[in-house]
């Protein structure tokens, strides 16, 4: 676990996919309204996505629209925590450095 100067928490977690396992750094944001995944991670791991029925605007912390534009795709992933498995939807966007 790593806490950076802006008080965000970053964790390294294993991600299993059809080609094997990769370790990725995730940002834990307890104030986020949904689950998000970076487009670069989706491309790198070749994760499947699907179009969502309507575009979702993305707002920055200061209330301005995110320059990456609205979210149009989602990725449904199986999240495992100890013995519990749950399919979870992640909205695909550009998360920048985080």
Protein backbone atom coordinates (compact mmCIF):
# COMPACT_ATOMS: atom_id res chain seq x y z
CA UNK A 1 0.00 0.00 0.00
CA UNK A 2 1.22 3.50 -0.82
CA UNK A 3 -0.23 6.81 0.38
CA UNK A 4 0.98 9.70 -1.76
CA UNK A 5 1.15 13.39 -1.00
CA UNK A 6 -2.46 13.98 -2.10
CA UNK A 7 -3.71 11.40 0.43
CA UNK A 8 -4.83 8.91 -2.20
CA UNK A 9 -4.28 5.23 -1.47
CA UNK A 10 -2.69 3.06 -4.14
CA UNK A 11 -2.54 -0.74 -3.90
CA UNK A 12 -0.83 -3.36 -6.04
CA UNK A 13 -3.29 -6.15 -6.85
CA UNK A 14 -3.10 -9.24 -9.05
CA UNK A 15 -5.45 -9.26 -12.00
CA UNK A 16 -6.20 -12.64 -13.59
CA UNK A 17 -7.27 -12.64 -17.23
CA UNK A 18 -7.42 -15.11 -20.09
CA UNK A 19 -3.69 -14.74 -20.86
CA UNK A 20 -2.52 -15.19 -17.26
CA UNK A 21 -2.04 -12.83 -14.33
CA UNK A 22 -0.76 -9.26 -14.20
CA UNK A 23 -0.04 -7.06 -11.22
CA UNK A 24 -1.54 -3.59 -11.50
CA UNK A 25 -1.54 -0.58 -9.22
CA UNK A 26 -5.05 0.57 -8.35
CA UNK A 27 -6.25 3.80 -6.81
CA UNK A 28 -8.61 3.38 -3.89
CA UNK A 29 -11.02 6.31 -3.94
CA UNK A 30 -13.70 5.98 -1.29
CA UNK A 31 -15.45 9.08 -2.65
CA UNK A 32 -15.97 7.71 -6.18
CA UNK A 33 -19.58 7.21 -7.24
CA UNK A 34 -18.81 4.12 -9.37
CA UNK A 35 -15.93 1.78 -10.28
CA UNK A 36 -13.60 2.97 -13.02
CA UNK A 37 -10.81 1.39 -15.04
CA UNK A 38 -8.25 3.19 -17.18
CA UNK A 39 -8.43 2.72 -20.96
CA UNK A 40 -4.68 1.96 -20.99
CA UNK A 41 -5.20 -0.99 -18.60
CA UNK A 42 -8.10 -2.29 -20.71
CA UNK A 43 -5.91 -2.14 -23.84
CA UNK A 44 -2.83 -3.63 -22.14
CA UNK A 45 -4.75 -6.62 -20.71
CA UNK A 46 -7.01 -6.91 -23.78
CA UNK A 47 -10.12 -6.85 -21.63
CA UNK A 48 -13.47 -7.00 -23.35
CA UNK A 49 -15.76 -4.00 -23.15
CA UNK A 50 -19.33 -3.24 -24.12
CA UNK A 51 -21.07 -0.04 -25.07
CA UNK A 52 -23.33 1.39 -22.41
CA UNK A 53 -26.83 2.55 -23.44
CA UNK A 54 -26.09 6.24 -22.83
CA UNK A 55 -22.93 8.32 -22.50
CA UNK A 56 -22.04 9.30 -18.94
CA UNK A 57 -20.33 12.66 -18.40
CA UNK A 58 -17.23 12.63 -16.19
CA UNK A 59 -16.65 15.48 -13.76
CA UNK A 60 -13.38 16.37 -12.07
CA UNK A 61 -13.13 17.09 -8.35
CA UNK A 62 -13.49 20.82 -9.08
CA UNK A 63 -16.80 20.23 -10.93
CA UNK A 64 -15.45 20.77 -14.46
CA UNK A 65 -16.04 18.25 -17.24
CA UNK A 66 -13.16 15.83 -17.74
CA UNK A 67 -11.25 16.52 -20.95
CA UNK A 68 -11.28 12.81 -21.90
CA UNK A 69 -15.00 13.16 -22.60
CA UNK A 70 -17.99 11.11 -21.60
CA UNK A 71 -17.86 7.40 -20.76
CA UNK A 72 -19.29 5.20 -23.51
CA UNK A 73 -17.92 1.75 -22.55
CA UNK A 74 -17.89 -0.55 -19.54
CA UNK A 75 -15.95 -3.65 -18.58
CA UNK A 76 -17.60 -6.34 -16.43
CA UNK A 77 -14.99 -8.09 -14.28
CA UNK A 78 -15.17 -10.87 -11.73
CA UNK A 79 -13.78 -9.44 -8.48
CA UNK A 80 -12.55 -11.93 -5.89
CA UNK A 81 -12.02 -11.08 -2.24
CA UNK A 82 -11.09 -14.05 -0.09
CA UNK A 83 -13.81 -16.65 -0.87
CA UNK A 84 -16.34 -14.17 -2.29
CA UNK A 85 -16.65 -13.62 -6.06
CA UNK A 86 -18.79 -10.89 -7.54
CA UNK A 87 -19.25 -9.57 -11.07
CA UNK A 88 -18.56 -5.85 -10.94
CA UNK A 89 -18.99 -3.21 -13.63
CA UNK A 90 -16.10 -0.83 -14.28
CA UNK A 91 -16.63 2.22 -16.45
CA UNK A 92 -13.79 2.79 -18.93
CA UNK A 93 -12.21 6.23 -18.92
CA UNK A 94 -8.87 8.02 -19.00
CA UNK A 95 -7.66 8.23 -15.41
CA UNK A 96 -4.40 9.99 -16.25
CA UNK A 97 -1.54 9.23 -13.87
CA UNK A 98 -3.94 7.59 -11.40
